[in-house]
Amino acid sequence: MTDNLENLLTEKEVAEKLKISLSKLQQDRANKRGLPFIRVGGAIRYSPKQIEEYCRMNTVEESHGG
C-alpha cells in the first residue's frame, strides 16, 4: 500500500509540496488528524501515494446554486 522506502517524504518535503507550515503538519499529526504518516524509529515519513489518496478523498467540490 505504501511506496518503496526510497520514495517516502520527510515532514519538510511534505510541508513544502502542500504549501503549509511545518508546524501545521506537526499539529495535525499530534491531534490525530490530517495526513497518514509512517513512524520510522524517531523519524516521521509520508507516502506520496497516501498523500494523493488523502487529498483526493478530502476534495470539496463547491456547488454553484442558481
PDB file of N, CA and C in Angstrom:
ATOM      1  N   MET A   1       0.825  -1.203   0.000  1.00  0.00           N
ATOM      2  CA  MET A   1       0.000   0.000   0.000  1.00  0.00           C
ATOM      3  C   MET A   1       0.864   1.259   0.000  1.00  0.00           C
ATOM      4  N   THR A   2       1.973   1.211   0.680  1.00  0.00           N
ATOM      5  CA  THR A   2       2.839   2.380   0.693  1.00  0.00           C
ATOM      6  C   THR A   2       3.860   2.289  -0.430  1.00  0.00           C
ATOM      7  N   ASP A   3       4.552   3.363  -0.630  1.00  0.00           N
ATOM      8  CA  ASP A   3       5.607   3.419  -1.640  1.00  0.00           C
ATOM      9  C   ASP A   3       6.831   2.660  -1.157  1.00  0.00           C
ATOM     10  N   ASN A   4       7.780   2.505  -2.058  1.00  0.00           N
ATOM     11  CA  ASN A   4       9.076   1.986  -1.661  1.00  0.00           C
ATOM     12  C   ASN A   4       9.677   2.944  -0.650  1.00  0.00           C
ATOM     13  N   LEU A   5      10.528   2.438   0.212  1.00  0.00           N
ATOM     14  CA  LEU A   5      11.129   3.282   1.245  1.00  0.00           C
ATOM     15  C   LEU A   5      11.861   4.479   0.657  1.00  0.00           C
ATOM     16  N   GLU A   6      12.435   4.324  -0.521  1.00  0.00           N
ATOM     17  CA  GLU A   6      13.179   5.419  -1.147  1.00  0.00           C
ATOM     18  C   GLU A   6      12.266   6.582  -1.520  1.00  0.00           C
ATOM     19  N   ASN A   7      10.976   6.312  -1.694  1.00  0.00           N
ATOM     20  CA  ASN A   7      10.030   7.341  -2.129  1.00  0.00           C
ATOM     21  C   ASN A   7       9.395   8.110  -0.982  1.00  0.00           C
ATOM     22  N   LEU A   8       9.603   7.665   0.250  1.00  0.00           N
ATOM     23  CA  LEU A   8       8.972   8.325   1.378  1.00  0.00           C
ATOM     24  C   LEU A   8       9.503   9.746   1.537  1.00  0.00           C
ATOM     25  N   LEU A   9       8.612  10.639   1.954  1.00  0.00           N
ATOM     26  CA  LEU A   9       8.945  12.054   2.078  1.00  0.00           C
ATOM     27  C   LEU A   9       9.103  12.454   3.536  1.00  0.00           C
ATOM     28  N   THR A  10       9.957  13.434   3.786  1.00  0.00           N
ATOM     29  CA  THR A  10      10.121  13.987   5.126  1.00  0.00           C
ATOM     30  C   THR A  10       9.006  14.992   5.399  1.00  0.00           C
ATOM     31  N   GLU A  11       8.881  15.392   6.649  1.00  0.00           N
ATOM     32  CA  GLU A  11       7.905  16.420   7.023  1.00  0.00           C
ATOM     33  C   GLU A  11       8.126  17.699   6.220  1.00  0.00           C
ATOM     34  N   LYS A  12       9.367  18.099   6.136  1.00  0.00           N
ATOM     35  CA  LYS A  12       9.706  19.346   5.447  1.00  0.00           C
ATOM     36  C   LYS A  12       9.309  19.279   3.973  1.00  0.00           C
ATOM     37  N   GLU A  13       9.591  18.153   3.330  1.00  0.00           N
ATOM     38  CA  GLU A  13       9.236  17.981   1.918  1.00  0.00           C
ATOM     39  C   GLU A  13       7.724  18.050   1.714  1.00  0.00           C
ATOM     40  N   VAL A  14       6.970  17.426   2.615  1.00  0.00           N
ATOM     41  CA  VAL A  14       5.511  17.427   2.502  1.00  0.00           C
ATOM     42  C   VAL A  14       4.967  18.832   2.717  1.00  0.00           C
ATOM     43  N   ALA A  15       5.467  19.508   3.735  1.00  0.00           N
ATOM     44  CA  ALA A  15       5.008  20.877   4.008  1.00  0.00           C
ATOM     45  C   ALA A  15       5.261  21.776   2.795  1.00  0.00           C
ATOM     46  N   GLU A  16       6.426  21.648   2.190  1.00  0.00           N
ATOM     47  CA  GLU A  16       6.751  22.456   1.011  1.00  0.00           C
ATOM     48  C   GLU A  16       5.841  22.113  -0.159  1.00  0.00           C
ATOM     49  N   LYS A  17       5.620  20.825  -0.401  1.00  0.00           N
ATOM     50  CA  LYS A  17       4.766  20.402  -1.521  1.00  0.00           C
ATOM     51  C   LYS A  17       3.338  20.893  -1.361  1.00  0.00           C
ATOM     52  N   LEU A  18       2.823  20.831  -0.134  1.00  0.00           N
ATOM     53  CA  LEU A  18       1.432  21.216   0.106  1.00  0.00           C
ATOM     54  C   LEU A  18       1.281  22.694   0.434  1.00  0.00           C
ATOM     55  N   LYS A  19       2.419  23.388   0.504  1.00  0.00           N
ATOM     56  CA  LYS A  19       2.421  24.829   0.804  1.00  0.00           C
ATOM     57  C   LYS A  19       1.713  25.127   2.126  1.00  0.00           C
ATOM     58  N   ILE A  20       2.068  24.319   3.144  1.00  0.00           N
ATOM     59  CA  ILE A  20       1.591  24.549   4.502  1.00  0.00           C
ATOM     60  C   ILE A  20       2.815  24.624   5.412  1.00  0.00           C
ATOM     61  N   SER A  21       2.624  25.176   6.589  1.00  0.00           N
ATOM     62  CA  SER A  21       3.763  25.284   7.505  1.00  0.00           C
ATOM     63  C   SER A  21       4.075  23.922   8.114  1.00  0.00           C
ATOM     64  N   LEU A  22       5.318  23.756   8.472  1.00  0.00           N
ATOM     65  CA  LEU A  22       5.748  22.535   9.128  1.00  0.00           C
ATOM     66  C   LEU A  22       5.003  22.375  10.452  1.00  0.00           C
ATOM     67  N   SER A  23       4.799  23.487  11.162  1.00  0.00           N
ATOM     68  CA  SER A  23       4.097  23.406  12.446  1.00  0.00           C
ATOM     69  C   SER A  23       2.644  22.961  12.271  1.00  0.00           C
ATOM     70  N   LYS A  24       1.981  23.364  11.192  1.00  0.00           N
ATOM     71  CA  LYS A  24       0.608  22.925  10.915  1.00  0.00           C
ATOM     72  C   LYS A  24       0.575  21.414  10.709  1.00  0.00           C
ATOM     73  N   LEU A  25       1.517  20.909   9.949  1.00  0.00           N
ATOM     74  CA  LEU A  25       1.619  19.478   9.699  1.00  0.00           C
ATOM     75  C   LEU A  25       1.837  18.728  11.017  1.00  0.00           C
ATOM     76  N   GLN A  26       2.712  19.250  11.862  1.00  0.00           N
ATOM     77  CA  GLN A  26       3.011  18.630  13.151  1.00  0.00           C
ATOM     78  C   GLN A  26       1.811  18.701  14.097  1.00  0.00           C
ATOM     79  N   GLN A  27       1.108  19.826  14.102  1.00  0.00           N
ATOM     80  CA  GLN A  27      -0.085  19.975  14.957  1.00  0.00           C
ATOM     81  C   GLN A  27      -1.169  18.991  14.552  1.00  0.00           C
ATOM     82  N   ASP A  28      -1.401  18.862  13.258  1.00  0.00           N
ATOM     83  CA  ASP A  28      -2.411  17.913  12.784  1.00  0.00           C
ATOM     84  C   ASP A  28      -2.055  16.495  13.211  1.00  0.00           C
ATOM     85  N   ARG A  29      -0.799  16.154  13.096  1.00  0.00           N
ATOM     86  CA  ARG A  29      -0.361  14.809  13.481  1.00  0.00           C
ATOM     87  C   ARG A  29      -0.547  14.597  14.987  1.00  0.00           C
ATOM     88  N   ALA A  30      -0.180  15.582  15.787  1.00  0.00           N
ATOM     89  CA  ALA A  30      -0.316  15.486  17.245  1.00  0.00           C
ATOM     90  C   ALA A  30      -1.780  15.372  17.659  1.00  0.00           C
ATOM     91  N   ASN A  31      -2.671  15.990  16.884  1.00  0.00           N
ATOM     92  CA  ASN A  31      -4.102  15.952  17.169  1.00  0.00           C
ATOM     93  C   ASN A  31      -4.808  14.790  16.469  1.00  0.00           C
ATOM     94  N   LYS A  32      -4.011  13.889  15.909  1.00  0.00           N
ATOM     95  CA  LYS A  32      -4.523  12.689  15.236  1.00  0.00           C
ATOM     96  C   LYS A  32      -5.517  13.005  14.121  1.00  0.00           C
ATOM     97  N   ARG A  33      -5.160  13.998  13.330  1.00  0.00           N
ATOM     98  CA  ARG A  33      -5.945  14.317  12.144  1.00  0.00           C
ATOM     99  C   ARG A  33      -4.955  14.624  11.019  1.00  0.00           C
ATOM    100  N   GLY A  34      -5.474  14.743   9.834  1.00  0.00           N
ATOM    101  CA  GLY A  34      -4.603  15.076   8.717  1.00  0.00           C
ATOM    102  C   GLY A  34      -4.050  13.846   8.019  1.00  0.00           C
ATOM    103  N   LEU A  35      -2.911  14.039   7.415  1.00  0.00           N
ATOM    104  CA  LEU A  35      -2.301  13.023   6.561  1.00  0.00           C
ATOM    105  C   LEU A  35      -1.865  11.776   7.321  1.00  0.00           C
ATOM    106  N   PRO A  36      -2.033  10.608   6.686  1.00  0.00           N
ATOM    107  CA  PRO A  36      -1.472   9.393   7.280  1.00  0.00           C
ATOM    108  C   PRO A  36       0.049   9.469   7.215  1.00  0.00           C
ATOM    109  N   PHE A  37       0.715   8.950   8.231  1.00  0.00           N
ATOM    110  CA  PHE A  37       2.177   9.005   8.270  1.00  0.00           C
ATOM    111  C   PHE A  37       2.754   7.680   8.738  1.00  0.00           C
ATOM    112  N   ILE A  38       4.048   7.555   8.570  1.00  0.00           N
ATOM    113  CA  ILE A  38       4.783   6.357   8.960  1.00  0.00           C
ATOM    114  C   ILE A  38       5.861   6.795   9.936  1.00  0.00           C
ATOM    115  N   ARG A  39       5.942   6.093  11.059  1.00  0.00           N
ATOM    116  CA  ARG A  39       6.996   6.390  12.028  1.00  0.00           C
ATOM    117  C   ARG A  39       8.116   5.368  11.823  1.00  0.00           C
ATOM    118  N   VAL A  40       9.314   5.867  11.546  1.00  0.00           N
ATOM    119  CA  VAL A  40      10.485   5.012  11.359  1.00  0.00           C
ATOM    120  C   VAL A  40      11.460   5.385  12.468  1.00  0.00           C
ATOM    121  N   GLY A  41      11.441   4.598  13.538  1.00  0.00           N
ATOM    122  CA  GLY A  41      12.218   4.982  14.714  1.00  0.00           C
ATOM    123  C   GLY A  41      11.651   6.291  15.232  1.00  0.00           C
ATOM    124  N   GLY A  42      12.478   7.311  15.346  1.00  0.00           N
ATOM    125  CA  GLY A  42      12.016   8.620  15.777  1.00  0.00           C
ATOM    126  C   GLY A  42      11.635   9.538  14.632  1.00  0.00           C
ATOM    127  N   ALA A  43      11.812   9.069  13.404  1.00  0.00           N
ATOM    128  CA  ALA A  43      11.559   9.903  12.224  1.00  0.00           C
ATOM    129  C   ALA A  43      10.140   9.696  11.703  1.00  0.00           C
ATOM    130  N   ILE A  44       9.575  10.751  11.168  1.00  0.00           N
ATOM    131  CA  ILE A  44       8.248  10.700  10.555  1.00  0.00           C
ATOM    132  C   ILE A  44       8.426  10.776   9.043  1.00  0.00           C
ATOM    133  N   ARG A  45       7.753   9.895   8.336  1.00  0.00           N
ATOM    134  CA  ARG A  45       7.813   9.895   6.879  1.00  0.00           C
ATOM    135  C   ARG A  45       6.388   9.791   6.327  1.00  0.00           C
ATOM    136  N   TYR A  46       6.238  10.254   5.092  1.00  0.00           N
ATOM    137  CA  TYR A  46       4.943  10.247   4.421  1.00  0.00           C
ATOM    138  C   TYR A  46       5.068   9.556   3.072  1.00  0.00           C
ATOM    139  N   SER A  47       4.028   8.817   2.717  1.00  0.00           N
ATOM    140  CA  SER A  47       3.961   8.139   1.431  1.00  0.00           C
ATOM    141  C   SER A  47       3.288   9.052   0.408  1.00  0.00           C
ATOM    142  N   PRO A  48       3.953   9.332  -0.713  1.00  0.00           N
ATOM    143  CA  PRO A  48       3.314  10.150  -1.747  1.00  0.00           C
ATOM    144  C   PRO A  48       1.968   9.583  -2.206  1.00  0.00           C
ATOM    145  N   LYS A  49       1.858   8.279  -2.314  1.00  0.00           N
ATOM    146  CA  LYS A  49       0.594   7.666  -2.741  1.00  0.00           C
ATOM    147  C   LYS A  49      -0.502   7.921  -1.717  1.00  0.00           C
ATOM    148  N   GLN A  50      -0.185   7.817  -0.434  1.00  0.00           N
ATOM    149  CA  GLN A  50      -1.184   8.055   0.599  1.00  0.00           C
ATOM    150  C   GLN A  50      -1.570   9.531   0.665  1.00  0.00           C
ATOM    151  N   ILE A  51      -0.619  10.418   0.405  1.00  0.00           N
ATOM    152  CA  ILE A  51      -0.925  11.853   0.367  1.00  0.00           C
ATOM    153  C   ILE A  51      -1.900  12.143  -0.769  1.00  0.00           C
ATOM    154  N   GLU A  52      -1.627  11.588  -1.949  1.00  0.00           N
ATOM    155  CA  GLU A  52      -2.515  11.792  -3.101  1.00  0.00           C
ATOM    156  C   GLU A  52      -3.916  11.265  -2.802  1.00  0.00           C
ATOM    157  N   GLU A  53      -3.995  10.086  -2.206  1.00  0.00           N
ATOM    158  CA  GLU A  53      -5.293   9.495  -1.878  1.00  0.00           C
ATOM    159  C   GLU A  53      -6.025  10.340  -0.840  1.00  0.00           C
ATOM    160  N   TYR A  54      -5.322  10.812   0.166  1.00  0.00           N
ATOM    161  CA  TYR A  54      -5.926  11.660   1.195  1.00  0.00           C
ATOM    162  C   TYR A  54      -6.482  12.936   0.569  1.00  0.00           C
ATOM    163  N   CYS A  55      -5.712  13.556  -0.306  1.00  0.00           N
ATOM    164  CA  CYS A  55      -6.161  14.782  -0.971  1.00  0.00           C
ATOM    165  C   CYS A  55      -7.377  14.512  -1.851  1.00  0.00           C
ATOM    166  N   ARG A  56      -7.361  13.397  -2.556  1.00  0.00           N
ATOM    167  CA  ARG A  56      -8.487  13.035  -3.418  1.00  0.00           C
ATOM    168  C   ARG A  56      -9.757  12.831  -2.580  1.00  0.00           C
ATOM    169  N   MET A  57      -9.625  12.158  -1.455  1.00  0.00           N
ATOM    170  CA  MET A  57     -10.784  11.857  -0.617  1.00  0.00           C
ATOM    171  C   MET A  57     -11.278  13.090   0.143  1.00  0.00           C
ATOM    172  N   ASN A  58     -10.455  14.110   0.262  1.00  0.00           N
ATOM    173  CA  ASN A  58     -10.838  15.310   1.011  1.00  0.00           C
ATOM    174  C   ASN A  58     -11.059  16.516   0.118  1.00  0.00           C
ATOM    175  N   THR A  59     -11.231  16.278  -1.166  1.00  0.00           N
ATOM    176  CA  THR A  59     -11.516  17.356  -2.103  1.00  0.00           C
ATOM    177  C   THR A  59     -12.974  17.762  -1.963  1.00  0.00           C
ATOM    178  N   VAL A  60     -13.197  19.039  -1.813  1.00  0.00           N
ATOM    179  CA  VAL A  60     -14.554  19.565  -1.666  1.00  0.00           C
ATOM    180  C   VAL A  60     -14.920  20.257  -2.967  1.00  0.00           C
ATOM    181  N   GLU A  61     -16.007  19.810  -3.560  1.00  0.00           N
ATOM    182  CA  GLU A  61     -16.486  20.447  -4.781  1.00  0.00           C
ATOM    183  C   GLU A  61     -17.629  21.361  -4.406  1.00  0.00           C
ATOM    184  N   GLU A  62     -17.448  22.627  -4.690  1.00  0.00           N
ATOM    185  CA  GLU A  62     -18.454  23.641  -4.366  1.00  0.00           C
ATOM    186  C   GLU A  62     -19.561  23.578  -5.411  1.00  0.00           C
ATOM    187  N   SER A  63     -20.790  23.616  -4.924  1.00  0.00           N
ATOM    188  CA  SER A  63     -21.903  23.687  -5.879  1.00  0.00           C
ATOM    189  C   SER A  63     -22.271  25.151  -6.049  1.00  0.00           C
ATOM    190  N   HIS A  64     -22.567  25.500  -7.261  1.00  0.00           N
ATOM    191  CA  HIS A  64     -22.931  26.885  -7.601  1.00  0.00           C
ATOM    192  C   HIS A  64     -24.422  26.903  -7.881  1.00  0.00           C
ATOM    193  N   GLY A  65     -25.168  27.246  -6.834  1.00  0.00           N
ATOM    194  CA  GLY A  65     -26.635  27.297  -6.975  1.00  0.00           C
ATOM    195  C   GLY A  65     -27.066  28.461  -7.842  1.00  0.00           C
ATOM    196  N   GLY A  66     -28.243  28.352  -8.352  1.00  0.00           N
ATOM    197  CA  GLY A  66     -28.674  29.440  -9.205  1.00  0.00           C
ATOM    198  C   GLY A  66     -30.108  29.733  -9.177  1.00  0.00           C
TER     199      GLY A  66
END
